[in-house]
Amino acid sequence: MEELVKYIISALVDDKDSFSVQTVMEGDNTVINITVDKKEIGKVIGKQGRIAKAIRMLVKAAGKDAGGKYYVDIIEK
């Protein structure tokens, strides 16, 4: 799942070193933390959060196939 998120984010940002992705287990849930530089955060969130919402929906859908609950947090560096 982490590789999927890295692939999506790398297509959105200009500087490939401006983000990091970490997976954290919280009980039965899996949280994917995306940390993005201040200058690139707008590209990841999108207008009115549309891109962020789409990323979250993709992760949730892929998570159902993987058999777990996945959540995405976007953090500004």
PDB file of N, CA and C in Angstrom:
ATOM      1  N   MET A   1       0.821  -1.187   0.000  1.00  0.00           N
ATOM      2  CA  MET A   1       0.000   0.000   0.000  1.00  0.00           C
ATOM      3  C   MET A   1       0.875   1.265   0.000  1.00  0.00           C
ATOM      4  N   GLU A   2       1.954   1.205   0.746  1.00  0.00           N
ATOM      5  CA  GLU A   2       2.870   2.342   0.821  1.00  0.00           C
ATOM      6  C   GLU A   2       3.457   2.654  -0.551  1.00  0.00           C
ATOM      7  N   GLU A   3       3.747   1.630  -1.330  1.00  0.00           N
ATOM      8  CA  GLU A   3       4.305   1.832  -2.672  1.00  0.00           C
ATOM      9  C   GLU A   3       3.287   2.517  -3.586  1.00  0.00           C
ATOM     10  N   LEU A   4       2.019   2.170  -3.452  1.00  0.00           N
ATOM     11  CA  LEU A   4       0.965   2.811  -4.237  1.00  0.00           C
ATOM     12  C   LEU A   4       0.913   4.305  -3.935  1.00  0.00           C
ATOM     13  N   VAL A   5       0.948   4.651  -2.663  1.00  0.00           N
ATOM     14  CA  VAL A   5       0.894   6.057  -2.257  1.00  0.00           C
ATOM     15  C   VAL A   5       2.137   6.801  -2.744  1.00  0.00           C
ATOM     16  N   LYS A   6       3.302   6.188  -2.624  1.00  0.00           N
ATOM     17  CA  LYS A   6       4.535   6.823  -3.106  1.00  0.00           C
ATOM     18  C   LYS A   6       4.458   7.096  -4.607  1.00  0.00           C
ATOM     19  N   TYR A   7       3.914   6.161  -5.352  1.00  0.00           N
ATOM     20  CA  TYR A   7       3.776   6.313  -6.796  1.00  0.00           C
ATOM     21  C   TYR A   7       2.859   7.488  -7.133  1.00  0.00           C
ATOM     22  N   ILE A   8       1.736   7.579  -6.440  1.00  0.00           N
ATOM     23  CA  ILE A   8       0.774   8.655  -6.698  1.00  0.00           C
ATOM     24  C   ILE A   8       1.376  10.015  -6.351  1.00  0.00           C
ATOM     25  N   ILE A   9       1.981  10.117  -5.173  1.00  0.00           N
ATOM     26  CA  ILE A   9       2.533  11.395  -4.724  1.00  0.00           C
ATOM     27  C   ILE A   9       3.696  11.830  -5.610  1.00  0.00           C
ATOM     28  N   SER A  10       4.536  10.894  -6.025  1.00  0.00           N
ATOM     29  CA  SER A  10       5.680  11.262  -6.872  1.00  0.00           C
ATOM     30  C   SER A  10       5.223  11.810  -8.220  1.00  0.00           C
ATOM     31  N   ALA A  11       4.047  11.401  -8.682  1.00  0.00           N
ATOM     32  CA  ALA A  11       3.511  11.933  -9.932  1.00  0.00           C
ATOM     33  C   ALA A  11       2.963  13.353  -9.753  1.00  0.00           C
ATOM     34  N   LEU A  12       2.625  13.719  -8.528  1.00  0.00           N
ATOM     35  CA  LEU A  12       2.029  15.030  -8.269  1.00  0.00           C
ATOM     36  C   LEU A  12       3.051  16.129  -7.994  1.00  0.00           C
ATOM     37  N   VAL A  13       4.141  15.784  -7.318  1.00  0.00           N
ATOM     38  CA  VAL A  13       5.105  16.802  -6.885  1.00  0.00           C
ATOM     39  C   VAL A  13       6.240  16.956  -7.899  1.00  0.00           C
ATOM     40  N   ASP A  14       6.888  18.119  -7.867  1.00  0.00           N
ATOM     41  CA  ASP A  14       8.020  18.378  -8.763  1.00  0.00           C
ATOM     42  C   ASP A  14       9.311  17.784  -8.216  1.00  0.00           C
ATOM     43  N   ASP A  15       9.520  17.927  -6.911  1.00  0.00           N
ATOM     44  CA  ASP A  15      10.744  17.457  -6.259  1.00  0.00           C
ATOM     45  C   ASP A  15      10.459  16.124  -5.569  1.00  0.00           C
ATOM     46  N   LYS A  16      11.046  15.066  -6.060  1.00  0.00           N
ATOM     47  CA  LYS A  16      10.776  13.720  -5.532  1.00  0.00           C
ATOM     48  C   LYS A  16      11.293  13.524  -4.111  1.00  0.00           C
ATOM     49  N   ASP A  17      12.198  14.402  -3.655  1.00  0.00           N
ATOM     50  CA  ASP A  17      12.724  14.314  -2.292  1.00  0.00           C
ATOM     51  C   ASP A  17      11.925  15.162  -1.309  1.00  0.00           C
ATOM     52  N   SER A  18      10.828  15.755  -1.761  1.00  0.00           N
ATOM     53  CA  SER A  18      10.072  16.678  -0.914  1.00  0.00           C
ATOM     54  C   SER A  18       8.983  15.994  -0.093  1.00  0.00           C
ATOM     55  N   PHE A  19       8.901  14.676  -0.154  1.00  0.00           N
ATOM     56  CA  PHE A  19       7.877  13.976   0.616  1.00  0.00           C
ATOM     57  C   PHE A  19       8.419  12.661   1.158  1.00  0.00           C
ATOM     58  N   SER A  20       7.736  12.159   2.171  1.00  0.00           N
ATOM     59  CA  SER A  20       8.043  10.830   2.693  1.00  0.00           C
ATOM     60  C   SER A  20       6.728  10.162   3.073  1.00  0.00           C
ATOM     61  N   VAL A  21       6.722   8.845   3.020  1.00  0.00           N
ATOM     62  CA  VAL A  21       5.527   8.069   3.337  1.00  0.00           C
ATOM     63  C   VAL A  21       5.901   7.036   4.385  1.00  0.00           C
ATOM     64  N   GLN A  22       5.122   6.992   5.461  1.00  0.00           N
ATOM     65  CA  GLN A  22       5.348   6.022   6.530  1.00  0.00           C
ATOM     66  C   GLN A  22       4.037   5.326   6.851  1.00  0.00           C
ATOM     67  N   THR A  23       4.130   4.046   7.165  1.00  0.00           N
ATOM     68  CA  THR A  23       2.963   3.275   7.560  1.00  0.00           C
ATOM     69  C   THR A  23       3.041   2.987   9.047  1.00  0.00           C
ATOM     70  N   VAL A  24       1.944   3.280   9.749  1.00  0.00           N
ATOM     71  CA  VAL A  24       1.883   3.096  11.196  1.00  0.00           C
ATOM     72  C   VAL A  24       0.665   2.241  11.525  1.00  0.00           C
ATOM     73  N   MET A  25       0.885   1.197  12.315  1.00  0.00           N
ATOM     74  CA  MET A  25      -0.224   0.347  12.764  1.00  0.00           C
ATOM     75  C   MET A  25      -0.801   0.927  14.051  1.00  0.00           C
ATOM     76  N   GLU A  26      -2.114   1.120  14.091  1.00  0.00           N
ATOM     77  CA  GLU A  26      -2.806   1.595  15.286  1.00  0.00           C
ATOM     78  C   GLU A  26      -3.948   0.629  15.567  1.00  0.00           C
ATOM     79  N   GLY A  27      -3.656  -0.389  16.351  1.00  0.00           N
ATOM     80  CA  GLY A  27      -4.663  -1.410  16.625  1.00  0.00           C
ATOM     81  C   GLY A  27      -4.954  -2.209  15.370  1.00  0.00           C
ATOM     82  N   ASP A  28      -6.225  -2.240  14.966  1.00  0.00           N
ATOM     83  CA  ASP A  28      -6.628  -2.948  13.750  1.00  0.00           C
ATOM     84  C   ASP A  28      -6.505  -2.075  12.505  1.00  0.00           C
ATOM     85  N   ASN A  29      -6.217  -0.811  12.703  1.00  0.00           N
ATOM     86  CA  ASN A  29      -6.159   0.138  11.596  1.00  0.00           C
ATOM     87  C   ASN A  29      -4.720   0.389  11.157  1.00  0.00           C
ATOM     88  N   THR A  30      -4.573   0.726   9.895  1.00  0.00           N
ATOM     89  CA  THR A  30      -3.277   1.101   9.346  1.00  0.00           C
ATOM     90  C   THR A  30      -3.369   2.544   8.874  1.00  0.00           C
ATOM     91  N   VAL A  31      -2.475   3.379   9.380  1.00  0.00           N
ATOM     92  CA  VAL A  31      -2.457   4.794   9.009  1.00  0.00           C
ATOM     93  C   VAL A  31      -1.234   5.042   8.140  1.00  0.00           C
ATOM     94  N   ILE A  32      -1.457   5.654   6.998  1.00  0.00           N
ATOM     95  CA  ILE A  32      -0.367   6.016   6.103  1.00  0.00           C
ATOM     96  C   ILE A  32      -0.144   7.517   6.249  1.00  0.00           C
ATOM     97  N   ASN A  33       1.005   7.888   6.794  1.00  0.00           N
ATOM     98  CA  ASN A  33       1.362   9.289   6.994  1.00  0.00           C
ATOM     99  C   ASN A  33       2.173   9.778   5.805  1.00  0.00           C
ATOM    100  N   ILE A  34       1.662  10.803   5.150  1.00  0.00           N
ATOM    101  CA  ILE A  34       2.364  11.431   4.035  1.00  0.00           C
ATOM    102  C   ILE A  34       2.868  12.778   4.537  1.00  0.00           C
ATOM    103  N   THR A  35       4.178  12.935   4.613  1.00  0.00           N
ATOM    104  CA  THR A  35       4.780  14.190   5.039  1.00  0.00           C
ATOM    105  C   THR A  35       5.315  14.898   3.801  1.00  0.00           C
ATOM    106  N   VAL A  36       4.834  16.130   3.580  1.00  0.00           N
ATOM    107  CA  VAL A  36       5.156  16.858   2.353  1.00  0.00           C
ATOM    108  C   VAL A  36       5.714  18.232   2.712  1.00  0.00           C
ATOM    109  N   ASP A  37       6.714  18.684   1.937  1.00  0.00           N
ATOM    110  CA  ASP A  37       7.260  20.032   2.121  1.00  0.00           C
ATOM    111  C   ASP A  37       6.171  21.081   1.928  1.00  0.00           C
ATOM    112  N   LYS A  38       6.382  22.209   2.577  1.00  0.00           N
ATOM    113  CA  LYS A  38       5.427  23.315   2.519  1.00  0.00           C
ATOM    114  C   LYS A  38       5.162  23.776   1.083  1.00  0.00           C
ATOM    115  N   LYS A  39       6.196  23.793   0.249  1.00  0.00           N
ATOM    116  CA  LYS A  39       6.044  24.296  -1.122  1.00  0.00           C
ATOM    117  C   LYS A  39       5.273  23.334  -2.029  1.00  0.00           C
ATOM    118  N   GLU A  40       5.162  22.075  -1.650  1.00  0.00           N
ATOM    119  CA  GLU A  40       4.496  21.067  -2.479  1.00  0.00           C
ATOM    120  C   GLU A  40       3.134  20.636  -1.926  1.00  0.00           C
ATOM    121  N   ILE A  41       2.772  21.090  -0.730  1.00  0.00           N
ATOM    122  CA  ILE A  41       1.566  20.594  -0.069  1.00  0.00           C
ATOM    123  C   ILE A  41       0.297  20.900  -0.871  1.00  0.00           C
ATOM    124  N   GLY A  42       0.273  22.037  -1.546  1.00  0.00           N
ATOM    125  CA  GLY A  42      -0.897  22.403  -2.341  1.00  0.00           C
ATOM    126  C   GLY A  42      -1.156  21.438  -3.484  1.00  0.00           C
ATOM    127  N   LYS A  43      -0.109  20.906  -4.055  1.00  0.00           N
ATOM    128  CA  LYS A  43      -0.251  19.953  -5.158  1.00  0.00           C
ATOM    129  C   LYS A  43      -0.814  18.625  -4.678  1.00  0.00           C
ATOM    130  N   VAL A  44      -0.510  18.264  -3.439  1.00  0.00           N
ATOM    131  CA  VAL A  44      -0.986  16.992  -2.889  1.00  0.00           C
ATOM    132  C   VAL A  44      -2.426  17.117  -2.398  1.00  0.00           C
ATOM    133  N   ILE A  45      -2.777  18.279  -1.850  1.00  0.00           N
ATOM    134  CA  ILE A  45      -4.137  18.473  -1.344  1.00  0.00           C
ATOM    135  C   ILE A  45      -5.095  18.825  -2.477  1.00  0.00           C
ATOM    136  N   GLY A  46      -4.680  19.695  -3.377  1.00  0.00           N
ATOM    137  CA  GLY A  46      -5.526  20.074  -4.500  1.00  0.00           C
ATOM    138  C   GLY A  46      -6.564  21.114  -4.120  1.00  0.00           C
ATOM    139  N   LYS A  47      -7.272  21.611  -5.124  1.00  0.00           N
ATOM    140  CA  LYS A  47      -8.314  22.605  -4.883  1.00  0.00           C
ATOM    141  C   LYS A  47      -9.444  21.972  -4.089  1.00  0.00           C
ATOM    142  N   GLN A  48      -9.794  22.621  -2.997  1.00  0.00           N
ATOM    143  CA  GLN A  48     -10.856  22.173  -2.096  1.00  0.00           C
ATOM    144  C   GLN A  48     -10.634  20.737  -1.622  1.00  0.00           C
ATOM    145  N   GLY A  49      -9.382  20.292  -1.619  1.00  0.00           N
ATOM    146  CA  GLY A  49      -9.054  18.971  -1.095  1.00  0.00           C
ATOM    147  C   GLY A  49      -9.432  17.806  -1.993  1.00  0.00           C
ATOM    148  N   ARG A  50      -9.655  18.078  -3.252  1.00  0.00           N
ATOM    149  CA  ARG A  50     -10.113  17.021  -4.167  1.00  0.00           C
ATOM    150  C   ARG A  50      -9.074  15.924  -4.373  1.00  0.00           C
ATOM    151  N   ILE A  51      -7.818  16.300  -4.524  1.00  0.00           N
ATOM    152  CA  ILE A  51      -6.776  15.291  -4.745  1.00  0.00           C
ATOM    153  C   ILE A  51      -6.572  14.469  -3.484  1.00  0.00           C
ATOM    154  N   ALA A  52      -6.563  15.135  -2.324  1.00  0.00           N
ATOM    155  CA  ALA A  52      -6.412  14.418  -1.055  1.00  0.00           C
ATOM    156  C   ALA A  52      -7.562  13.434  -0.855  1.00  0.00           C
ATOM    157  N   LYS A  53      -8.759  13.853  -1.186  1.00  0.00           N
ATOM    158  CA  LYS A  53      -9.932  12.976  -1.053  1.00  0.00           C
ATOM    159  C   LYS A  53      -9.811  11.773  -1.990  1.00  0.00           C
ATOM    160  N   ALA A  54      -9.339  12.011  -3.204  1.00  0.00           N
ATOM    161  CA  ALA A  54      -9.173  10.918  -4.166  1.00  0.00           C
ATOM    162  C   ALA A  54      -8.117   9.923  -3.691  1.00  0.00           C
ATOM    163  N   ILE A  55      -7.014  10.431  -3.116  1.00  0.00           N
ATOM    164  CA  ILE A  55      -5.973   9.544  -2.585  1.00  0.00           C
ATOM    165  C   ILE A  55      -6.544   8.691  -1.461  1.00  0.00           C
ATOM    166  N   ARG A  56      -7.306   9.321  -0.568  1.00  0.00           N
ATOM    167  CA  ARG A  56      -7.910   8.580   0.549  1.00  0.00           C
ATOM    168  C   ARG A  56      -8.869   7.504   0.049  1.00  0.00           C
ATOM    169  N   MET A  57      -9.661   7.827  -0.977  1.00  0.00           N
ATOM    170  CA  MET A  57     -10.606   6.847  -1.516  1.00  0.00           C
ATOM    171  C   MET A  57      -9.878   5.671  -2.157  1.00  0.00           C
ATOM    172  N   LEU A  58      -8.798   5.940  -2.890  1.00  0.00           N
ATOM    173  CA  LEU A  58      -8.019   4.865  -3.506  1.00  0.00           C
ATOM    174  C   LEU A  58      -7.411   3.950  -2.451  1.00  0.00           C
ATOM    175  N   VAL A  59      -6.876   4.544  -1.387  1.00  0.00           N
ATOM    176  CA  VAL A  59      -6.255   3.748  -0.327  1.00  0.00           C
ATOM    177  C   VAL A  59      -7.303   2.905   0.393  1.00  0.00           C
ATOM    178  N   LYS A  60      -8.470   3.485   0.663  1.00  0.00           N
ATOM    179  CA  LYS A  60      -9.533   2.717   1.325  1.00  0.00           C
ATOM    180  C   LYS A  60     -10.000   1.557   0.451  1.00  0.00           C
ATOM    181  N   ALA A  61     -10.156   1.814  -0.855  1.00  0.00           N
ATOM    182  CA  ALA A  61     -10.596   0.758  -1.767  1.00  0.00           C
ATOM    183  C   ALA A  61      -9.558  -0.354  -1.867  1.00  0.00           C
ATOM    184  N   ALA A  62      -8.295   0.018  -1.987  1.00  0.00           N
ATOM    185  CA  ALA A  62      -7.234  -0.988  -2.049  1.00  0.00           C
ATOM    186  C   ALA A  62      -7.108  -1.710  -0.713  1.00  0.00           C
ATOM    187  N   GLY A  63      -7.387  -1.017   0.371  1.00  0.00           N
ATOM    188  CA  GLY A  63      -7.327  -1.621   1.702  1.00  0.00           C
ATOM    189  C   GLY A  63      -8.389  -2.680   1.908  1.00  0.00           C
ATOM    190  N   LYS A  64      -9.548  -2.496   1.301  1.00  0.00           N
ATOM    191  CA  LYS A  64     -10.602  -3.510   1.414  1.00  0.00           C
ATOM    192  C   LYS A  64     -10.163  -4.812   0.755  1.00  0.00           C
ATOM    193  N   ASP A  65      -9.464  -4.692  -0.372  1.00  0.00           N
ATOM    194  CA  ASP A  65      -8.941  -5.887  -1.035  1.00  0.00           C
ATOM    195  C   ASP A  65      -7.857  -6.546  -0.195  1.00  0.00           C
ATOM    196  N   ALA A  66      -7.090  -5.727   0.531  1.00  0.00           N
ATOM    197  CA  ALA A  66      -6.009  -6.252   1.369  1.00  0.00           C
ATOM    198  C   ALA A  66      -6.534  -6.798   2.691  1.00  0.00           C
ATOM    199  N   GLY A  67      -7.781  -6.481   3.009  1.00  0.00           N
ATOM    200  CA  GLY A  67      -8.384  -7.027   4.220  1.00  0.00           C
ATOM    201  C   GLY A  67      -8.133  -6.217   5.474  1.00  0.00           C
ATOM    202  N   GLY A  68      -8.127  -4.911   5.371  1.00  0.00           N
ATOM    203  CA  GLY A  68      -7.918  -4.083   6.551  1.00  0.00           C
ATOM    204  C   GLY A  68      -8.462  -2.690   6.343  1.00  0.00           C
ATOM    205  N   LYS A  69      -8.436  -1.896   7.404  1.00  0.00           N
ATOM    206  CA  LYS A  69      -8.872  -0.507   7.316  1.00  0.00           C
ATOM    207  C   LYS A  69      -7.641   0.380   7.217  1.00  0.00           C
ATOM    208  N   TYR A  70      -7.606   1.184   6.186  1.00  0.00           N
ATOM    209  CA  TYR A  70      -6.482   2.074   5.933  1.00  0.00           C
ATOM    210  C   TYR A  70      -6.962   3.517   5.970  1.00  0.00           C
ATOM    211  N   TYR A  71      -6.148   4.361   6.569  1.00  0.00           N
ATOM    212  CA  TYR A  71      -6.430   5.786   6.646  1.00  0.00           C
ATOM    213  C   TYR A  71      -5.201   6.551   6.179  1.00  0.00           C
ATOM    214  N   VAL A  72      -5.418   7.766   5.675  1.00  0.00           N
ATOM    215  CA  VAL A  72      -4.321   8.588   5.167  1.00  0.00           C
ATOM    216  C   VAL A  72      -4.301   9.912   5.921  1.00  0.00           C
ATOM    217  N   ASP A  73      -3.134  10.291   6.425  1.00  0.00           N
ATOM    218  CA  ASP A  73      -2.910  11.598   7.027  1.00  0.00           C
ATOM    219  C   ASP A  73      -1.873  12.332   6.193  1.00  0.00           C
ATOM    220  N   ILE A  74      -2.170  13.586   5.866  1.00  0.00           N
ATOM    221  CA  ILE A  74      -1.229  14.413   5.121  1.00  0.00           C
ATOM    222  C   ILE A  74      -0.684  15.456   6.085  1.00  0.00           C
ATOM    223  N   ILE A  75       0.634  15.474   6.242  1.00  0.00           N
ATOM    224  CA  ILE A  75       1.296  16.322   7.225  1.00  0.00           C
ATOM    225  C   ILE A  75       2.246  17.268   6.500  1.00  0.00           C
ATOM    226  N   GLU A  76       2.195  18.540   6.873  1.00  0.00           N
ATOM    227  CA  GLU A  76       3.093  19.535   6.287  1.00  0.00           C
ATOM    228  C   GLU A  76       4.423  19.537   7.020  1.00  0.00           C
ATOM    229  N   LYS A  77       5.507  19.488   6.273  1.00  0.00           N
ATOM    230  CA  LYS A  77       6.859  19.465   6.860  1.00  0.00           C
ATOM    231  C   LYS A  77       7.334  20.855   7.167  1.00  0.00           C
TER     232      LYS A  77
END
